[in-house]
Amino acid sequence: MPRITIRLGKVPTYLKENPGAPFILVFILALVVIAVIYSYDRALADELATNAFYFLVVGVLLQVIAVARQKRTNDANSEADA
């Protein structure tokens, strides 16, 4: 069975250092959409707001993990230099 591969190239270093950034960006954009939709359909806006906060939670958790990893590698590098 043939396998299809899609090559996107290198992942930008910003996304490697900040893996939660896309999720937080989606949260911010969702808030703008919710502000527009709210006057037309409150139930839909409430549902979107709930889902948007899930994106925020995922984004913040990914950022915390990234910062912890970065701190751990910096500590390991500083011990190796000493």
N, C-alpha and C. Protein backbone atom coordinates (compact mmCIF):
# COMPACT_ATOMS: atom_id res chain seq x y z
N MET A 1 0.85 -1.18 0.00
CA MET A 1 0.00 0.00 0.00
C MET A 1 0.90 1.25 0.00
N PRO A 2 0.69 2.14 -0.96
CA PRO A 2 1.54 3.33 -1.02
C PRO A 2 1.23 4.28 0.15
N ARG A 3 2.27 4.92 0.60
CA ARG A 3 2.13 5.85 1.71
C ARG A 3 2.30 7.27 1.19
N ILE A 4 1.43 8.15 1.63
CA ILE A 4 1.48 9.54 1.22
C ILE A 4 2.12 10.34 2.35
N THR A 5 3.15 11.10 2.00
CA THR A 5 3.78 11.96 3.00
C THR A 5 3.69 13.41 2.54
N ILE A 6 3.46 14.25 3.48
CA ILE A 6 3.39 15.69 3.22
C ILE A 6 4.52 16.34 4.01
N ARG A 7 5.38 17.01 3.31
CA ARG A 7 6.51 17.67 3.96
C ARG A 7 6.21 19.17 4.05
N LEU A 8 6.25 19.65 5.27
CA LEU A 8 5.99 21.06 5.50
C LEU A 8 7.26 21.87 5.64
N GLY A 9 8.37 21.22 5.65
CA GLY A 9 9.63 21.91 5.86
C GLY A 9 9.92 21.97 7.35
N LYS A 10 10.83 22.83 7.69
CA LYS A 10 11.21 22.95 9.10
C LYS A 10 10.12 23.68 9.87
N VAL A 11 9.92 23.24 11.09
CA VAL A 11 8.99 23.94 11.98
C VAL A 11 9.69 25.21 12.44
N PRO A 12 9.05 26.35 12.33
CA PRO A 12 9.70 27.58 12.78
C PRO A 12 10.13 27.48 14.25
N THR A 13 11.26 28.08 14.54
CA THR A 13 11.79 27.99 15.90
C THR A 13 10.83 28.62 16.90
N TYR A 14 10.06 29.62 16.48
CA TYR A 14 9.11 30.24 17.40
C TYR A 14 8.10 29.22 17.90
N LEU A 15 7.61 28.37 17.00
CA LEU A 15 6.63 27.36 17.40
C LEU A 15 7.26 26.26 18.24
N LYS A 16 8.55 25.99 18.02
CA LYS A 16 9.23 25.02 18.88
C LYS A 16 9.38 25.56 20.29
N GLU A 17 9.68 26.85 20.40
CA GLU A 17 9.87 27.47 21.71
C GLU A 17 8.55 27.80 22.38
N ASN A 18 7.51 28.04 21.61
CA ASN A 18 6.20 28.44 22.14
C ASN A 18 5.10 27.57 21.54
N PRO A 19 4.99 26.32 21.97
CA PRO A 19 4.00 25.43 21.35
C PRO A 19 2.55 25.80 21.67
N GLY A 20 2.32 26.59 22.69
CA GLY A 20 0.96 26.99 23.05
C GLY A 20 0.46 28.20 22.30
N ALA A 21 1.34 28.86 21.57
CA ALA A 21 0.96 30.09 20.88
C ALA A 21 -0.21 29.93 19.91
N PRO A 22 -0.26 28.89 19.07
CA PRO A 22 -1.41 28.77 18.16
C PRO A 22 -2.74 28.61 18.90
N PHE A 23 -2.73 27.88 20.01
CA PHE A 23 -3.96 27.69 20.78
C PHE A 23 -4.42 29.00 21.42
N ILE A 24 -3.48 29.77 21.92
CA ILE A 24 -3.82 31.06 22.53
C ILE A 24 -4.31 32.02 21.46
N LEU A 25 -3.71 31.97 20.28
CA LEU A 25 -4.17 32.81 19.17
C LEU A 25 -5.59 32.45 18.76
N VAL A 26 -5.91 31.16 18.71
CA VAL A 26 -7.27 30.72 18.39
C VAL A 26 -8.24 31.24 19.45
N PHE A 27 -7.83 31.20 20.72
CA PHE A 27 -8.68 31.72 21.79
C PHE A 27 -8.98 33.20 21.56
N ILE A 28 -7.97 33.99 21.25
CA ILE A 28 -8.17 35.43 21.05
C ILE A 28 -9.09 35.68 19.85
N LEU A 29 -8.85 34.97 18.76
CA LEU A 29 -9.70 35.14 17.58
C LEU A 29 -11.14 34.69 17.85
N ALA A 30 -11.28 33.65 18.65
CA ALA A 30 -12.63 33.18 19.00
C ALA A 30 -13.37 34.23 19.82
N LEU A 31 -12.67 34.92 20.69
CA LEU A 31 -13.33 35.99 21.47
C LEU A 31 -13.86 37.09 20.56
N VAL A 32 -13.12 37.42 19.52
CA VAL A 32 -13.58 38.45 18.58
C VAL A 32 -14.83 37.95 17.85
N VAL A 33 -14.80 36.70 17.41
CA VAL A 33 -15.96 36.12 16.71
C VAL A 33 -17.16 36.06 17.65
N ILE A 34 -16.93 35.68 18.89
CA ILE A 34 -18.01 35.59 19.87
C ILE A 34 -18.64 36.95 20.10
N ALA A 35 -17.83 38.00 20.14
CA ALA A 35 -18.36 39.34 20.35
C ALA A 35 -19.31 39.74 19.22
N VAL A 36 -19.00 39.31 18.01
CA VAL A 36 -19.86 39.63 16.85
C VAL A 36 -21.12 38.78 16.87
N ILE A 37 -20.98 37.50 17.19
CA ILE A 37 -22.11 36.56 17.14
C ILE A 37 -23.09 36.75 18.30
N TYR A 38 -22.61 37.26 19.41
CA TYR A 38 -23.40 37.27 20.64
C TYR A 38 -24.77 37.93 20.48
N SER A 39 -24.84 39.02 19.75
CA SER A 39 -26.12 39.72 19.61
C SER A 39 -27.11 38.95 18.73
N TYR A 40 -26.61 38.05 17.88
CA TYR A 40 -27.48 37.29 16.99
C TYR A 40 -27.92 35.95 17.57
N ASP A 41 -27.00 35.26 18.22
CA ASP A 41 -27.31 33.93 18.74
C ASP A 41 -26.51 33.69 20.02
N ARG A 42 -27.14 33.95 21.15
CA ARG A 42 -26.44 33.84 22.43
C ARG A 42 -26.05 32.40 22.76
N ALA A 43 -26.87 31.45 22.40
CA ALA A 43 -26.55 30.05 22.70
C ALA A 43 -25.29 29.61 21.96
N LEU A 44 -25.19 29.97 20.69
CA LEU A 44 -23.99 29.64 19.92
C LEU A 44 -22.76 30.35 20.49
N ALA A 45 -22.93 31.59 20.86
CA ALA A 45 -21.82 32.34 21.45
C ALA A 45 -21.36 31.72 22.76
N ASP A 46 -22.29 31.27 23.57
CA ASP A 46 -21.92 30.62 24.83
C ASP A 46 -21.16 29.32 24.57
N GLU A 47 -21.62 28.56 23.59
CA GLU A 47 -20.94 27.30 23.25
C GLU A 47 -19.53 27.57 22.73
N LEU A 48 -19.39 28.58 21.87
CA LEU A 48 -18.07 28.93 21.36
C LEU A 48 -17.15 29.43 22.48
N ALA A 49 -17.71 30.17 23.42
CA ALA A 49 -16.91 30.67 24.53
C ALA A 49 -16.37 29.52 25.37
N THR A 50 -17.20 28.53 25.60
CA THR A 50 -16.75 27.37 26.36
C THR A 50 -15.59 26.67 25.64
N ASN A 51 -15.74 26.46 24.36
CA ASN A 51 -14.68 25.81 23.58
C ASN A 51 -13.44 26.68 23.50
N ALA A 52 -13.63 27.99 23.42
CA ALA A 52 -12.48 28.90 23.36
C ALA A 52 -11.65 28.81 24.64
N PHE A 53 -12.30 28.69 25.77
CA PHE A 53 -11.56 28.58 27.02
C PHE A 53 -10.78 27.27 27.10
N TYR A 54 -11.29 26.22 26.46
CA TYR A 54 -10.51 24.98 26.39
C TYR A 54 -9.22 25.20 25.62
N PHE A 55 -9.30 25.96 24.53
CA PHE A 55 -8.10 26.28 23.78
C PHE A 55 -7.12 27.08 24.64
N LEU A 56 -7.64 27.99 25.43
CA LEU A 56 -6.77 28.77 26.31
C LEU A 56 -6.08 27.87 27.32
N VAL A 57 -6.81 26.95 27.91
CA VAL A 57 -6.22 26.05 28.91
C VAL A 57 -5.12 25.19 28.27
N VAL A 58 -5.39 24.64 27.09
CA VAL A 58 -4.39 23.83 26.40
C VAL A 58 -3.16 24.66 26.07
N GLY A 59 -3.38 25.87 25.58
CA GLY A 59 -2.26 26.74 25.23
C GLY A 59 -1.40 27.10 26.43
N VAL A 60 -2.03 27.42 27.55
CA VAL A 60 -1.28 27.77 28.75
C VAL A 60 -0.52 26.56 29.28
N LEU A 61 -1.14 25.39 29.27
CA LEU A 61 -0.44 24.18 29.73
C LEU A 61 0.77 23.88 28.86
N LEU A 62 0.63 24.01 27.56
CA LEU A 62 1.77 23.78 26.67
C LEU A 62 2.88 24.79 26.92
N GLN A 63 2.52 26.03 27.20
CA GLN A 63 3.53 27.04 27.49
C GLN A 63 4.25 26.74 28.80
N VAL A 64 3.52 26.29 29.80
CA VAL A 64 4.14 25.94 31.09
C VAL A 64 5.13 24.80 30.89
N ILE A 65 4.74 23.80 30.10
CA ILE A 65 5.64 22.67 29.83
C ILE A 65 6.88 23.15 29.09
N ALA A 66 6.70 24.03 28.11
CA ALA A 66 7.83 24.54 27.34
C ALA A 66 8.79 25.33 28.22
N VAL A 67 8.25 26.15 29.11
CA VAL A 67 9.11 26.95 30.00
C VAL A 67 9.85 26.04 30.97
N ALA A 68 9.18 25.01 31.47
CA ALA A 68 9.84 24.07 32.39
C ALA A 68 10.97 23.33 31.68
N ARG A 69 10.74 22.91 30.44
CA ARG A 69 11.79 22.22 29.69
C ARG A 69 12.97 23.15 29.42
N GLN A 70 12.67 24.37 29.05
CA GLN A 70 13.73 25.33 28.76
C GLN A 70 14.56 25.62 30.01
N LYS A 71 13.89 25.75 31.13
CA LYS A 71 14.59 26.02 32.39
C LYS A 71 15.47 24.82 32.74
N ARG A 72 14.96 23.60 32.53
CA ARG A 72 15.72 22.41 32.86
C ARG A 72 16.97 22.31 31.98
N THR A 73 16.84 22.61 30.69
CA THR A 73 18.01 22.54 29.81
C THR A 73 19.01 23.64 30.14
N ASN A 74 18.51 24.81 30.52
CA ASN A 74 19.42 25.89 30.90
C ASN A 74 20.17 25.54 32.17
N ASP A 75 19.51 24.91 33.12
CA ASP A 75 20.17 24.48 34.36
C ASP A 75 21.22 23.41 34.07
N ALA A 76 20.90 22.48 33.19
CA ALA A 76 21.84 21.42 32.83
C ALA A 76 23.07 22.00 32.13
N ASN A 77 22.84 22.98 31.27
CA ASN A 77 23.96 23.62 30.56
C ASN A 77 24.84 24.41 31.53
N SER A 78 24.24 25.09 32.49
CA SER A 78 25.03 25.88 33.42
C SER A 78 25.84 24.98 34.36
N GLU A 79 25.30 23.79 34.72
CA GLU A 79 26.05 22.85 35.53
C GLU A 79 27.21 22.24 34.74
N ALA A 80 27.01 22.00 33.47
CA ALA A 80 28.07 21.44 32.63
C ALA A 80 29.21 22.43 32.44
N ASP A 81 28.88 23.71 32.41
CA ASP A 81 29.91 24.75 32.24
C ASP A 81 30.74 24.93 33.51
N ALA A 82 30.16 24.59 34.66
CA ALA A 82 30.87 24.83 35.92
C ALA A 82 31.93 23.82 36.23
